[in-house]
Protein backbone atom coordinates (compact mmCIF):
# COMPACT_ATOMS: atom_id res chain seq x y z
CA MET A 1 129.16 113.73 -59.74
CA THR A 2 129.83 113.79 -56.01
CA SER A 3 131.32 116.66 -54.02
CA LYS A 4 132.07 117.61 -50.44
CA THR A 5 133.30 120.86 -48.90
CA VAL A 6 135.89 120.57 -46.12
CA MET A 7 138.28 122.70 -44.08
CA VAL A 8 141.94 121.98 -44.81
CA ASN A 9 143.97 120.78 -41.85
CA LEU A 10 147.45 120.39 -43.36
CA ALA A 11 150.56 121.27 -41.40
CA ALA A 12 153.00 123.91 -42.69
CA ASP A 13 150.86 125.30 -45.52
CA ALA A 14 150.78 122.03 -47.47
CA GLU A 15 154.44 121.45 -48.10
CA ALA A 16 155.45 118.96 -50.78
CA ARG A 17 154.93 115.80 -48.71
CA PRO A 18 151.25 116.27 -47.75
CA VAL A 19 150.42 117.37 -51.30
CA ALA A 20 152.30 114.37 -52.76
CA VAL A 21 150.34 112.03 -50.49
CA LEU A 22 147.09 113.69 -51.58
CA VAL A 23 148.01 113.16 -55.26
CA GLN A 24 148.89 109.51 -54.55
CA LYS A 25 145.55 108.98 -52.83
CA ALA A 26 143.66 110.62 -55.71
CA SER A 27 145.53 108.49 -58.25
CA GLN A 28 144.23 105.30 -56.64
CA PHE A 29 140.74 106.02 -57.98
CA ASP A 30 139.41 105.61 -61.51
CA SER A 31 137.20 108.70 -61.22
CA LYS A 32 138.23 112.17 -62.32
CA VAL A 33 139.01 114.01 -59.09
CA TYR A 34 139.29 117.77 -58.59
CA ILE A 35 140.04 120.12 -55.72
CA MET A 36 138.37 123.52 -55.95
CA ALA A 37 139.57 126.48 -53.90
CA GLU A 38 138.50 130.08 -54.47
CA ASP A 39 138.26 130.37 -58.28
CA LYS A 40 140.63 127.48 -59.12
CA LYS A 41 139.69 123.93 -60.11
CA ILE A 42 142.70 121.62 -60.10
CA ASN A 43 143.07 117.98 -61.13
CA ALA A 44 143.88 116.23 -57.83
CA LYS A 45 146.02 113.68 -59.69
CA SER A 46 148.43 116.37 -60.93
CA ILE A 47 151.33 117.07 -58.58
CA MET A 48 152.23 120.32 -60.34
CA GLY A 49 148.63 121.49 -60.34
CA MET A 50 148.17 120.69 -56.68
CA MET A 51 151.43 122.43 -55.73
CA SER A 52 150.26 125.53 -57.60
CA LEU A 53 147.00 125.53 -55.63
CA GLY A 54 148.84 126.47 -52.44
CA LEU A 55 146.47 124.93 -49.90
CA ARG A 56 146.47 126.78 -46.58
CA GLN A 57 145.52 125.75 -43.07
CA ASP A 58 141.79 126.30 -42.35
CA GLU A 59 141.04 127.05 -46.01
CA GLU A 60 137.70 125.80 -47.28
CA VAL A 61 137.95 123.60 -50.38
CA THR A 62 135.57 121.40 -52.32
CA VAL A 63 136.55 117.88 -53.38
CA THR A 64 134.68 116.75 -56.51
CA ALA A 65 134.79 113.44 -58.34
CA GLU A 66 133.03 111.94 -61.32
CA GLY A 67 133.21 108.28 -62.26
CA THR A 68 132.64 104.74 -61.08
CA ASP A 69 134.18 105.20 -57.62
CA GLU A 70 133.41 108.89 -57.11
CA GLU A 71 131.91 108.56 -53.62
CA LYS A 72 134.90 106.60 -52.29
CA ALA A 73 137.30 109.09 -53.88
CA VAL A 74 135.56 112.13 -52.38
CA ASP A 75 135.29 110.53 -48.95
CA ALA A 76 138.96 109.46 -48.89
CA LEU A 77 140.35 112.81 -50.02
CA ALA A 78 138.04 114.84 -47.81
CA GLN A 79 139.08 112.72 -44.83
CA TYR A 80 142.76 113.18 -45.67
CA LEU A 81 142.44 116.96 -46.04
CA GLN A 82 140.72 117.20 -42.66
CA ASP A 83 143.09 114.89 -40.77
CA ALA A 84 146.54 115.21 -42.39
CA LYS A 85 149.39 116.39 -40.19
């Protein structure tokens, strides 16, 4: 299992488009991928789950993945969460 904690840098409190792109990116990997914020752990490949998470600007989240490409998945999603506009 690989994980990385990052600060969210999404415009407009993670409207549908940035969250949809995040889910698309997560779905490209074979690993199980999760985003953890506060006391919630959400499957990053689930659009409904990610929308319910309500990511906020400058919120600290942890990206976790487990599987054959876990490091690539964590790096890609962490980078997106830090740089998305």
